[in-house]
Amino acid sequence: MDGTKNKLLEETKKWLSRIETEKYIVNNESEEVKNVLKNLKAYIDDCKYFLEQGDMIRAFEAIVYAWGIYETLLHLKIISRKNKI
């Protein structure tokens, strides 16, 4: 594996581990929020799948999307963090 792939693997695993340990409270139980949370989980699952397939670019993209959704939900106060990163 070349340097770029190694770096992508390292970063992807780091951010995947962090998002999997995040604890949060859902402040809005609407169907829209439930769908967004399902989407968040789907991106995390996609990341794991792409890691298993050795597709570092798609794995990294998936975890970046997952973090984008997560941080947007936090910013909009739709969810609240129970723990600190």
C-alpha atoms as a PDB file:
ATOM      1  CA  MET A   1       0.000   0.000   0.000  1.00  0.00           C
ATOM      2  CA  ASP A   2       1.441   3.353  -0.933  1.00  0.00           C
ATOM      3  CA  GLY A   3       1.732   6.384   1.364  1.00  0.00           C
ATOM      4  CA  THR A   4      -1.534   7.986   0.272  1.00  0.00           C
ATOM      5  CA  LYS A   5      -3.524   4.812   0.863  1.00  0.00           C
ATOM      6  CA  ASN A   6      -1.874   4.347   4.239  1.00  0.00           C
ATOM      7  CA  LYS A   7      -2.749   7.903   5.237  1.00  0.00           C
ATOM      8  CA  LEU A   8      -6.357   7.483   4.043  1.00  0.00           C
ATOM      9  CA  LEU A   9      -6.633   4.220   5.977  1.00  0.00           C
ATOM     10  CA  GLU A  10      -5.199   5.805   9.128  1.00  0.00           C
ATOM     11  CA  GLU A  11      -7.459   8.869   8.960  1.00  0.00           C
ATOM     12  CA  THR A  12     -10.551   6.859   8.049  1.00  0.00           C
ATOM     13  CA  LYS A  13     -10.074   4.439  10.946  1.00  0.00           C
ATOM     14  CA  LYS A  14      -9.430   7.335  13.347  1.00  0.00           C
ATOM     15  CA  TRP A  15     -12.622   9.200  12.407  1.00  0.00           C
ATOM     16  CA  LEU A  16     -14.674   6.004  12.211  1.00  0.00           C
ATOM     17  CA  SER A  17     -13.589   5.066  15.720  1.00  0.00           C
ATOM     18  CA  ARG A  18     -14.436   8.529  17.010  1.00  0.00           C
ATOM     19  CA  ILE A  19     -17.908   8.664  15.493  1.00  0.00           C
ATOM     20  CA  GLU A  20     -18.696   5.183  16.776  1.00  0.00           C
ATOM     21  CA  THR A  21     -17.911   6.289  20.326  1.00  0.00           C
ATOM     22  CA  GLU A  22     -19.982   9.480  20.129  1.00  0.00           C
ATOM     23  CA  LYS A  23     -22.961   9.502  22.474  1.00  0.00           C
ATOM     24  CA  TYR A  24     -25.789  11.895  21.766  1.00  0.00           C
ATOM     25  CA  ILE A  25     -29.324  12.784  22.753  1.00  0.00           C
ATOM     26  CA  VAL A  26     -31.927  13.339  20.041  1.00  0.00           C
ATOM     27  CA  ASN A  27     -33.768  16.598  20.739  1.00  0.00           C
ATOM     28  CA  ASN A  28     -36.260  16.207  17.909  1.00  0.00           C
ATOM     29  CA  GLU A  29     -38.066  12.929  17.245  1.00  0.00           C
ATOM     30  CA  SER A  30     -39.622  13.899  13.903  1.00  0.00           C
ATOM     31  CA  GLU A  31     -39.676  11.474  10.976  1.00  0.00           C
ATOM     32  CA  GLU A  32     -37.304  13.756   9.080  1.00  0.00           C
ATOM     33  CA  VAL A  33     -34.751  13.575  11.895  1.00  0.00           C
ATOM     34  CA  LYS A  34     -35.154   9.799  12.136  1.00  0.00           C
ATOM     35  CA  ASN A  35     -34.439   9.568   8.399  1.00  0.00           C
ATOM     36  CA  VAL A  36     -31.350  11.760   8.704  1.00  0.00           C
ATOM     37  CA  LEU A  37     -30.078   9.594  11.592  1.00  0.00           C
ATOM     38  CA  LYS A  38     -30.654   6.477   9.452  1.00  0.00           C
ATOM     39  CA  ASN A  39     -28.637   8.177   6.705  1.00  0.00           C
ATOM     40  CA  LEU A  40     -25.857   8.916   9.192  1.00  0.00           C
ATOM     41  CA  LYS A  41     -25.738   5.247  10.198  1.00  0.00           C
ATOM     42  CA  ALA A  42     -25.790   4.194   6.542  1.00  0.00           C
ATOM     43  CA  TYR A  43     -22.690   6.303   5.819  1.00  0.00           C
ATOM     44  CA  ILE A  44     -20.920   4.725   8.802  1.00  0.00           C
ATOM     45  CA  ASP A  45     -21.875   1.265   7.534  1.00  0.00           C
ATOM     46  CA  ASP A  46     -20.750   2.221   4.025  1.00  0.00           C
ATOM     47  CA  CYS A  47     -17.401   3.303   5.420  1.00  0.00           C
ATOM     48  CA  LYS A  48     -16.917  -0.098   7.053  1.00  0.00           C
ATOM     49  CA  TYR A  49     -17.938  -1.886   3.860  1.00  0.00           C
ATOM     50  CA  PHE A  50     -15.516   0.115   1.720  1.00  0.00           C
ATOM     51  CA  LEU A  51     -12.724  -0.504   4.236  1.00  0.00           C
ATOM     52  CA  GLU A  52     -13.382  -4.250   3.960  1.00  0.00           C
ATOM     53  CA  GLN A  53     -13.223  -3.936   0.166  1.00  0.00           C
ATOM     54  CA  GLY A  54      -9.939  -2.004   0.346  1.00  0.00           C
ATOM     55  CA  ASP A  55     -11.538   1.057  -1.265  1.00  0.00           C
ATOM     56  CA  MET A  56      -9.841   3.747   0.810  1.00  0.00           C
ATOM     57  CA  ILE A  57     -11.169   6.704  -1.179  1.00  0.00           C
ATOM     58  CA  ARG A  58     -14.832   5.729  -0.832  1.00  0.00           C
ATOM     59  CA  ALA A  59     -14.318   4.724   2.820  1.00  0.00           C
ATOM     60  CA  PHE A  60     -12.820   8.137   3.577  1.00  0.00           C
ATOM     61  CA  GLU A  61     -15.579   9.925   1.660  1.00  0.00           C
ATOM     62  CA  ALA A  62     -18.252   8.012   3.568  1.00  0.00           C
ATOM     63  CA  ILE A  63     -16.824   8.880   6.993  1.00  0.00           C
ATOM     64  CA  VAL A  64     -16.411  12.528   5.988  1.00  0.00           C
ATOM     65  CA  TYR A  65     -20.083  12.620   4.923  1.00  0.00           C
ATOM     66  CA  ALA A  66     -21.091  10.953   8.196  1.00  0.00           C
ATOM     67  CA  TRP A  67     -19.197  13.576  10.205  1.00  0.00           C
ATOM     68  CA  GLY A  68     -20.751  16.340   8.120  1.00  0.00           C
ATOM     69  CA  ILE A  69     -24.236  15.085   8.937  1.00  0.00           C
ATOM     70  CA  TYR A  70     -23.357  14.596  12.606  1.00  0.00           C
ATOM     71  CA  GLU A  71     -21.846  18.051  13.029  1.00  0.00           C
ATOM     72  CA  THR A  72     -24.755  19.690  11.185  1.00  0.00           C
ATOM     73  CA  LEU A  73     -27.226  17.997  13.538  1.00  0.00           C
ATOM     74  CA  LEU A  74     -25.175  19.277  16.488  1.00  0.00           C
ATOM     75  CA  HIS A  75     -24.971  22.796  15.073  1.00  0.00           C
ATOM     76  CA  LEU A  76     -28.734  22.915  14.507  1.00  0.00           C
ATOM     77  CA  LYS A  77     -29.241  21.558  18.052  1.00  0.00           C
ATOM     78  CA  ILE A  78     -31.225  18.621  16.706  1.00  0.00           C
ATOM     79  CA  ILE A  79     -28.932  16.398  18.739  1.00  0.00           C
ATOM     80  CA  SER A  80     -26.784  17.152  21.784  1.00  0.00           C
ATOM     81  CA  ARG A  81     -23.452  15.512  22.522  1.00  0.00           C
ATOM     82  CA  LYS A  82     -23.263  13.478  25.732  1.00  0.00           C
ATOM     83  CA  ASN A  83     -19.482  13.100  25.555  1.00  0.00           C
ATOM     84  CA  LYS A  84     -16.527  15.101  24.311  1.00  0.00           C
ATOM     85  CA  ILE A  85     -14.281  14.097  21.426  1.00  0.00           C
END
